[in-house]
Amino acid sequence: MIEKMKGKSMKWVKEIVEMEKLTDYTCNLEFETNWKKFMAQKDVFLSKRMRLVAYWSIVQRRLVDSMALHLQLSVHRLVNENLERELVSQIMGSNENGLMRMLEESPSVASKRAKLDGSIKKLKECKEILAQIMDRNHDQS
């Protein structure tokens, strides 16, 4: 289930990067400030390069913010929706046999139980034999 969520997040990040590659739009005022600063140094940079550099800092922050929000939402959904559904599915199983499977005794516990039952039987036999010996000793005295 976690691998499935990880795959969805990776797909989501790739989609964001593709969106950013298709446009250089932002309503962040810092872009305009950075772009004007780079344009003032026009002899050093080409205009397209300056626009890209100014825009990239905005893209980075947007990716970080978006990824943090996405992770919070994904974990929330995982815990509150998917995990509950998965647990119910595992417990109930098909034809509600999952719960019965959980209540079944494991083979190792069953073998330990059989050994303990055997030990109890032998101890009871020993108790009876000791009681008989004690009765004989008591009768002889």
N, C-alpha and C. Protein backbone atom coordinates (compact mmCIF):
# COMPACT_ATOMS: atom_id res chain seq x y z
N MET A 1 0.83 -1.18 0.00
CA MET A 1 0.00 0.00 0.00
C MET A 1 0.88 1.25 0.00
N ILE A 2 1.96 1.22 0.79
CA ILE A 2 2.86 2.38 0.84
C ILE A 2 3.58 2.54 -0.49
N GLU A 3 3.96 1.43 -1.12
CA GLU A 3 4.61 1.51 -2.44
C GLU A 3 3.66 2.13 -3.46
N LYS A 4 2.38 1.80 -3.36
CA LYS A 4 1.38 2.35 -4.27
C LYS A 4 1.30 3.86 -4.08
N MET A 5 1.29 4.32 -2.81
CA MET A 5 1.24 5.75 -2.53
C MET A 5 2.52 6.45 -3.02
N LYS A 6 3.65 5.78 -2.87
CA LYS A 6 4.92 6.35 -3.33
C LYS A 6 4.89 6.53 -4.85
N GLY A 7 4.35 5.53 -5.55
CA GLY A 7 4.24 5.62 -7.00
C GLY A 7 3.34 6.77 -7.43
N LYS A 8 2.23 6.96 -6.72
CA LYS A 8 1.32 8.07 -7.03
C LYS A 8 2.02 9.41 -6.82
N SER A 9 2.80 9.52 -5.74
CA SER A 9 3.51 10.77 -5.45
C SER A 9 4.55 11.05 -6.53
N MET A 10 5.26 10.03 -6.96
CA MET A 10 6.27 10.23 -8.01
C MET A 10 5.60 10.71 -9.30
N LYS A 11 4.47 10.11 -9.63
CA LYS A 11 3.73 10.51 -10.83
C LYS A 11 3.27 11.96 -10.69
N TRP A 12 2.81 12.32 -9.51
CA TRP A 12 2.33 13.67 -9.27
C TRP A 12 3.45 14.69 -9.44
N VAL A 13 4.64 14.39 -8.90
CA VAL A 13 5.78 15.31 -9.03
C VAL A 13 6.18 15.46 -10.49
N LYS A 14 6.19 14.36 -11.23
CA LYS A 14 6.53 14.43 -12.65
C LYS A 14 5.54 15.31 -13.41
N GLU A 15 4.26 15.22 -13.05
CA GLU A 15 3.26 16.06 -13.69
C GLU A 15 3.50 17.54 -13.38
N ILE A 16 3.87 17.84 -12.15
CA ILE A 16 4.16 19.23 -11.77
C ILE A 16 5.34 19.76 -12.59
N VAL A 17 6.38 18.96 -12.70
CA VAL A 17 7.56 19.38 -13.47
C VAL A 17 7.18 19.61 -14.92
N GLU A 18 6.36 18.73 -15.49
CA GLU A 18 5.91 18.91 -16.88
C GLU A 18 5.11 20.21 -17.03
N MET A 19 4.24 20.51 -16.05
CA MET A 19 3.47 21.76 -16.10
C MET A 19 4.41 22.96 -16.08
N GLU A 20 5.42 22.90 -15.23
CA GLU A 20 6.36 24.03 -15.11
C GLU A 20 7.17 24.19 -16.40
N LYS A 21 7.46 23.08 -17.08
CA LYS A 21 8.23 23.15 -18.32
C LYS A 21 7.41 23.80 -19.45
N LEU A 22 6.08 23.67 -19.37
CA LEU A 22 5.23 24.21 -20.42
C LEU A 22 4.96 25.70 -20.28
N THR A 23 5.17 26.25 -19.11
CA THR A 23 4.84 27.66 -18.90
C THR A 23 5.89 28.31 -18.01
N ASP A 24 5.91 29.61 -18.05
CA ASP A 24 6.76 30.34 -17.11
C ASP A 24 5.91 31.34 -16.36
N TYR A 25 4.70 30.92 -16.02
CA TYR A 25 3.76 31.79 -15.32
C TYR A 25 3.92 31.67 -13.81
N THR A 26 3.88 32.80 -13.15
CA THR A 26 3.79 32.84 -11.70
C THR A 26 3.20 34.17 -11.29
N CYS A 27 2.48 34.17 -10.19
CA CYS A 27 1.95 35.42 -9.66
C CYS A 27 2.83 35.91 -8.51
N ASN A 28 3.95 35.26 -8.30
CA ASN A 28 4.88 35.63 -7.25
C ASN A 28 5.64 36.88 -7.69
N LEU A 29 5.57 37.92 -6.89
CA LEU A 29 6.20 39.21 -7.23
C LEU A 29 7.73 39.12 -7.24
N GLU A 30 8.27 38.16 -6.56
CA GLU A 30 9.73 38.01 -6.52
C GLU A 30 10.28 37.69 -7.91
N PHE A 31 9.49 37.02 -8.73
CA PHE A 31 9.92 36.73 -10.10
C PHE A 31 10.22 38.01 -10.86
N GLU A 32 9.29 38.91 -10.80
CA GLU A 32 9.47 40.19 -11.51
C GLU A 32 10.70 40.94 -11.00
N THR A 33 10.90 40.95 -9.70
CA THR A 33 12.06 41.62 -9.10
C THR A 33 13.36 40.99 -9.59
N ASN A 34 13.42 39.65 -9.53
CA ASN A 34 14.63 38.95 -9.99
C ASN A 34 14.87 39.17 -11.48
N TRP A 35 13.80 39.10 -12.26
CA TRP A 35 13.94 39.27 -13.70
C TRP A 35 14.47 40.66 -14.04
N LYS A 36 13.96 41.68 -13.36
CA LYS A 36 14.43 43.06 -13.60
C LYS A 36 15.89 43.20 -13.20
N LYS A 37 16.27 42.53 -12.09
CA LYS A 37 17.67 42.59 -11.65
C LYS A 37 18.59 41.98 -12.71
N PHE A 38 18.16 40.86 -13.27
CA PHE A 38 18.97 40.21 -14.30
C PHE A 38 18.98 41.02 -15.60
N MET A 39 17.86 41.64 -15.91
CA MET A 39 17.79 42.45 -17.13
C MET A 39 18.71 43.67 -17.02
N ALA A 40 18.94 44.14 -15.79
CA ALA A 40 19.85 45.27 -15.60
C ALA A 40 21.27 44.86 -15.96
N GLN A 41 21.55 43.57 -15.90
CA GLN A 41 22.87 43.05 -16.26
C GLN A 41 22.79 42.40 -17.65
N LYS A 42 22.04 43.03 -18.54
CA LYS A 42 21.73 42.45 -19.85
C LYS A 42 22.97 42.05 -20.64
N ASP A 43 24.05 42.78 -20.49
CA ASP A 43 25.24 42.45 -21.25
C ASP A 43 25.86 41.12 -20.82
N VAL A 44 25.53 40.65 -19.61
CA VAL A 44 26.08 39.39 -19.11
C VAL A 44 25.21 38.20 -19.52
N PHE A 45 23.91 38.37 -19.50
CA PHE A 45 22.98 37.26 -19.75
C PHE A 45 22.15 37.50 -21.01
N LEU A 46 21.70 36.43 -21.59
CA LEU A 46 20.70 36.54 -22.64
C LEU A 46 19.34 36.68 -21.97
N SER A 47 18.39 37.33 -22.65
CA SER A 47 17.08 37.60 -22.05
C SER A 47 16.36 36.31 -21.64
N LYS A 48 16.36 35.32 -22.49
CA LYS A 48 15.67 34.06 -22.19
C LYS A 48 16.30 33.39 -20.98
N ARG A 49 17.61 33.40 -20.92
CA ARG A 49 18.35 32.80 -19.80
C ARG A 49 18.00 33.53 -18.50
N MET A 50 17.94 34.86 -18.55
CA MET A 50 17.62 35.64 -17.36
C MET A 50 16.20 35.32 -16.87
N ARG A 51 15.28 35.18 -17.82
CA ARG A 51 13.91 34.86 -17.47
C ARG A 51 13.84 33.48 -16.81
N LEU A 52 14.56 32.54 -17.34
CA LEU A 52 14.56 31.18 -16.81
C LEU A 52 15.17 31.14 -15.40
N VAL A 53 16.27 31.83 -15.20
CA VAL A 53 16.91 31.85 -13.88
C VAL A 53 15.99 32.51 -12.85
N ALA A 54 15.35 33.60 -13.23
CA ALA A 54 14.44 34.28 -12.30
C ALA A 54 13.24 33.38 -11.98
N TYR A 55 12.76 32.68 -12.99
CA TYR A 55 11.59 31.82 -12.78
C TYR A 55 11.93 30.57 -11.98
N TRP A 56 13.13 30.04 -12.16
CA TRP A 56 13.49 28.77 -11.53
C TRP A 56 13.43 28.82 -9.99
N SER A 57 13.82 29.93 -9.39
CA SER A 57 13.75 30.02 -7.92
C SER A 57 12.30 29.93 -7.45
N ILE A 58 11.39 30.47 -8.23
CA ILE A 58 9.96 30.38 -7.89
C ILE A 58 9.49 28.93 -8.03
N VAL A 59 9.91 28.29 -9.10
CA VAL A 59 9.53 26.89 -9.35
C VAL A 59 10.00 26.00 -8.20
N GLN A 60 11.23 26.21 -7.77
CA GLN A 60 11.77 25.39 -6.68
C GLN A 60 10.93 25.53 -5.42
N ARG A 61 10.60 26.74 -5.04
CA ARG A 61 9.79 26.94 -3.84
C ARG A 61 8.40 26.35 -4.01
N ARG A 62 7.84 26.51 -5.19
CA ARG A 62 6.51 25.96 -5.45
C ARG A 62 6.54 24.43 -5.36
N LEU A 63 7.58 23.82 -5.89
CA LEU A 63 7.70 22.36 -5.81
C LEU A 63 7.82 21.89 -4.36
N VAL A 64 8.65 22.58 -3.59
CA VAL A 64 8.83 22.20 -2.18
C VAL A 64 7.52 22.35 -1.43
N ASP A 65 6.85 23.49 -1.60
CA ASP A 65 5.56 23.70 -0.92
C ASP A 65 4.52 22.69 -1.36
N SER A 66 4.42 22.49 -2.66
CA SER A 66 3.42 21.55 -3.19
C SER A 66 3.70 20.13 -2.73
N MET A 67 4.96 19.73 -2.71
CA MET A 67 5.30 18.36 -2.29
C MET A 67 4.98 18.17 -0.82
N ALA A 68 5.27 19.17 0.00
CA ALA A 68 4.95 19.06 1.43
C ALA A 68 3.45 18.92 1.64
N LEU A 69 2.68 19.73 0.92
CA LEU A 69 1.22 19.64 1.02
C LEU A 69 0.72 18.29 0.50
N HIS A 70 1.29 17.84 -0.60
CA HIS A 70 0.90 16.55 -1.18
C HIS A 70 1.20 15.41 -0.22
N LEU A 71 2.37 15.44 0.41
CA LEU A 71 2.73 14.37 1.35
C LEU A 71 1.80 14.35 2.55
N GLN A 72 1.48 15.53 3.07
CA GLN A 72 0.55 15.58 4.21
C GLN A 72 -0.81 15.02 3.83
N LEU A 73 -1.31 15.41 2.68
CA LEU A 73 -2.60 14.91 2.22
C LEU A 73 -2.55 13.41 1.95
N SER A 74 -1.47 12.94 1.36
CA SER A 74 -1.34 11.51 1.05
C SER A 74 -1.29 10.67 2.32
N VAL A 75 -0.52 11.12 3.31
CA VAL A 75 -0.44 10.38 4.58
C VAL A 75 -1.80 10.40 5.28
N HIS A 76 -2.46 11.54 5.25
CA HIS A 76 -3.80 11.65 5.84
C HIS A 76 -4.76 10.66 5.18
N ARG A 77 -4.75 10.63 3.87
CA ARG A 77 -5.63 9.70 3.14
C ARG A 77 -5.22 8.25 3.41
N LEU A 78 -3.93 8.00 3.45
CA LEU A 78 -3.44 6.64 3.69
C LEU A 78 -3.93 6.13 5.04
N VAL A 79 -3.79 6.95 6.07
CA VAL A 79 -4.17 6.53 7.42
C VAL A 79 -5.69 6.49 7.57
N ASN A 80 -6.37 7.52 7.13
CA ASN A 80 -7.80 7.65 7.40
C ASN A 80 -8.72 6.94 6.41
N GLU A 81 -8.23 6.65 5.22
CA GLU A 81 -9.10 6.02 4.22
C GLU A 81 -8.57 4.66 3.78
N ASN A 82 -7.41 4.67 3.19
CA ASN A 82 -6.88 3.44 2.59
C ASN A 82 -6.53 2.38 3.63
N LEU A 83 -5.92 2.78 4.74
CA LEU A 83 -5.50 1.81 5.75
C LEU A 83 -6.71 1.12 6.36
N GLU A 84 -7.73 1.90 6.67
CA GLU A 84 -8.96 1.32 7.25
C GLU A 84 -9.59 0.34 6.26
N ARG A 85 -9.69 0.74 5.02
CA ARG A 85 -10.27 -0.12 3.99
C ARG A 85 -9.45 -1.40 3.83
N GLU A 86 -8.12 -1.26 3.84
CA GLU A 86 -7.24 -2.42 3.69
C GLU A 86 -7.35 -3.36 4.89
N LEU A 87 -7.41 -2.79 6.09
CA LEU A 87 -7.55 -3.63 7.28
C LEU A 87 -8.87 -4.39 7.28
N VAL A 88 -9.94 -3.70 6.96
CA VAL A 88 -11.25 -4.37 6.89
C VAL A 88 -11.22 -5.46 5.83
N SER A 89 -10.60 -5.17 4.71
CA SER A 89 -10.49 -6.16 3.65
C SER A 89 -9.70 -7.38 4.11
N GLN A 90 -8.60 -7.16 4.83
CA GLN A 90 -7.78 -8.26 5.33
C GLN A 90 -8.50 -9.07 6.40
N ILE A 91 -9.22 -8.38 7.28
CA ILE A 91 -9.92 -9.07 8.37
C ILE A 91 -11.10 -9.86 7.83
N MET A 92 -11.87 -9.22 6.99
CA MET A 92 -13.07 -9.88 6.49
C MET A 92 -12.74 -10.86 5.37
N GLY A 93 -11.85 -10.50 4.49
CA GLY A 93 -11.48 -11.36 3.38
C GLY A 93 -12.68 -11.67 2.52
N SER A 94 -12.51 -12.62 1.62
CA SER A 94 -13.64 -13.03 0.80
C SER A 94 -14.50 -13.98 1.62
N ASN A 95 -15.77 -13.76 1.60
CA ASN A 95 -16.73 -14.57 2.37
C ASN A 95 -16.44 -14.53 3.87
N GLU A 96 -15.86 -13.45 4.35
CA GLU A 96 -15.58 -13.23 5.77
C GLU A 96 -14.71 -14.33 6.38
N ASN A 97 -13.84 -14.94 5.59
CA ASN A 97 -12.96 -15.98 6.13
C ASN A 97 -11.67 -15.42 6.71
N GLY A 98 -11.41 -14.14 6.52
CA GLY A 98 -10.20 -13.52 7.06
C GLY A 98 -10.19 -13.54 8.57
N LEU A 99 -11.33 -13.24 9.18
CA LEU A 99 -11.43 -13.25 10.64
C LEU A 99 -11.23 -14.66 11.18
N MET A 100 -11.80 -15.63 10.51
CA MET A 100 -11.64 -17.03 10.93
C MET A 100 -10.17 -17.45 10.81
N ARG A 101 -9.50 -16.98 9.75
CA ARG A 101 -8.07 -17.28 9.57
C ARG A 101 -7.26 -16.71 10.72
N MET A 102 -7.64 -15.49 11.17
CA MET A 102 -6.90 -14.86 12.27
C MET A 102 -7.10 -15.63 13.58
N LEU A 103 -8.26 -16.26 13.73
CA LEU A 103 -8.56 -17.00 14.96
C LEU A 103 -7.98 -18.41 14.96
N GLU A 104 -7.54 -18.90 13.81
CA GLU A 104 -6.96 -20.24 13.74
C GLU A 104 -5.64 -20.28 14.48
N GLU A 105 -5.39 -21.43 15.08
CA GLU A 105 -4.15 -21.63 15.81
C GLU A 105 -3.03 -21.96 14.83
N SER A 106 -1.88 -21.35 15.04
CA SER A 106 -0.76 -21.60 14.14
C SER A 106 -0.20 -23.01 14.39
N PRO A 107 0.46 -23.61 13.41
CA PRO A 107 1.01 -24.96 13.57
C PRO A 107 2.01 -25.05 14.72
N SER A 108 2.83 -24.03 14.93
CA SER A 108 3.81 -24.09 16.02
C SER A 108 3.11 -24.08 17.38
N VAL A 109 2.06 -23.28 17.52
CA VAL A 109 1.31 -23.24 18.77
C VAL A 109 0.59 -24.57 18.98
N ALA A 110 0.06 -25.13 17.90
CA ALA A 110 -0.64 -26.41 18.00
C ALA A 110 0.32 -27.51 18.46
N SER A 111 1.55 -27.54 17.94
CA SER A 111 2.50 -28.57 18.36
C SER A 111 2.93 -28.36 19.81
N LYS A 112 3.09 -27.12 20.23
CA LYS A 112 3.43 -26.84 21.63
C LYS A 112 2.28 -27.26 22.55
N ARG A 113 1.05 -27.02 22.09
CA ARG A 113 -0.12 -27.42 22.87
C ARG A 113 -0.15 -28.95 23.03
N ALA A 114 0.14 -29.67 21.96
CA ALA A 114 0.14 -31.13 22.00
C ALA A 114 1.21 -31.64 22.98
N LYS A 115 2.39 -31.02 22.94
CA LYS A 115 3.47 -31.41 23.87
C LYS A 115 3.05 -31.15 25.32
N LEU A 116 2.46 -29.98 25.55
CA LEU A 116 2.00 -29.65 26.90
C LEU A 116 0.90 -30.61 27.37
N ASP A 117 -0.02 -30.95 26.48
CA ASP A 117 -1.06 -31.92 26.83
C ASP A 117 -0.44 -33.25 27.22
N GLY A 118 0.56 -33.67 26.46
CA GLY A 118 1.27 -34.92 26.78
C GLY A 118 1.95 -34.84 28.14
N SER A 119 2.59 -33.70 28.42
CA SER A 119 3.26 -33.51 29.71
C SER A 119 2.25 -33.54 30.85
N ILE A 120 1.11 -32.91 30.65
CA ILE A 120 0.07 -32.90 31.70
C ILE A 120 -0.43 -34.32 31.95
N LYS A 121 -0.61 -35.09 30.90
CA LYS A 121 -1.07 -36.48 31.03
C LYS A 121 -0.05 -37.30 31.83
N LYS A 122 1.23 -37.13 31.51
CA LYS A 122 2.28 -37.87 32.23
C LYS A 122 2.35 -37.44 33.70
N LEU A 123 2.19 -36.14 33.94
CA LEU A 123 2.22 -35.65 35.32
C LEU A 123 1.05 -36.23 36.13
N LYS A 124 -0.12 -36.33 35.52
CA LYS A 124 -1.28 -36.92 36.20
C LYS A 124 -1.04 -38.40 36.51
N GLU A 125 -0.42 -39.09 35.54
CA GLU A 125 -0.10 -40.51 35.76
C GLU A 125 0.91 -40.64 36.91
N CYS A 126 1.90 -39.76 36.93
CA CYS A 126 2.91 -39.79 38.01
C CYS A 126 2.25 -39.50 39.36
N LYS A 127 1.32 -38.58 39.36
CA LYS A 127 0.61 -38.23 40.59
C LYS A 127 -0.15 -39.44 41.12
N GLU A 128 -0.82 -40.17 40.23
CA GLU A 128 -1.56 -41.37 40.64
C GLU A 128 -0.62 -42.44 41.18
N ILE A 129 0.50 -42.63 40.51
CA ILE A 129 1.48 -43.63 40.95
C ILE A 129 2.03 -43.25 42.32
N LEU A 130 2.35 -41.97 42.50
CA LEU A 130 2.86 -41.51 43.80
C LEU A 130 1.80 -41.68 44.89
N ALA A 131 0.56 -41.42 44.55
CA ALA A 131 -0.53 -41.59 45.53
C ALA A 131 -0.65 -43.06 45.93
N GLN A 132 -0.51 -43.95 44.96
CA GLN A 132 -0.57 -45.38 45.25
C GLN A 132 0.59 -45.80 46.14
N ILE A 133 1.79 -45.31 45.85
CA ILE A 133 2.98 -45.63 46.66
C ILE A 133 2.79 -45.11 48.08
N MET A 134 2.25 -43.89 48.18
CA MET A 134 2.05 -43.29 49.51
C MET A 134 1.01 -44.12 50.29
N ASP A 135 -0.04 -44.57 49.58
CA ASP A 135 -1.07 -45.38 50.24
C ASP A 135 -0.46 -46.70 50.73
N ARG A 136 0.37 -47.34 49.96
CA ARG A 136 1.01 -48.60 50.35
C ARG A 136 1.91 -48.40 51.56
N ASN A 137 2.69 -47.31 51.51
CA ASN A 137 3.58 -47.03 52.63
C ASN A 137 2.77 -46.73 53.89
N HIS A 138 1.69 -46.05 53.72
CA HIS A 138 0.84 -45.71 54.85
C HIS A 138 0.17 -46.96 55.42
N ASP A 139 -0.26 -47.87 54.52
CA ASP A 139 -0.89 -49.12 54.95
C ASP A 139 0.11 -50.03 55.64
N GLN A 140 1.38 -50.02 55.23
CA GLN A 140 2.41 -50.89 55.81
C GLN A 140 2.84 -50.38 57.20
N SER A 141 2.67 -49.13 57.43
CA SER A 141 3.12 -48.62 58.73
C SER A 141 2.08 -48.74 59.76
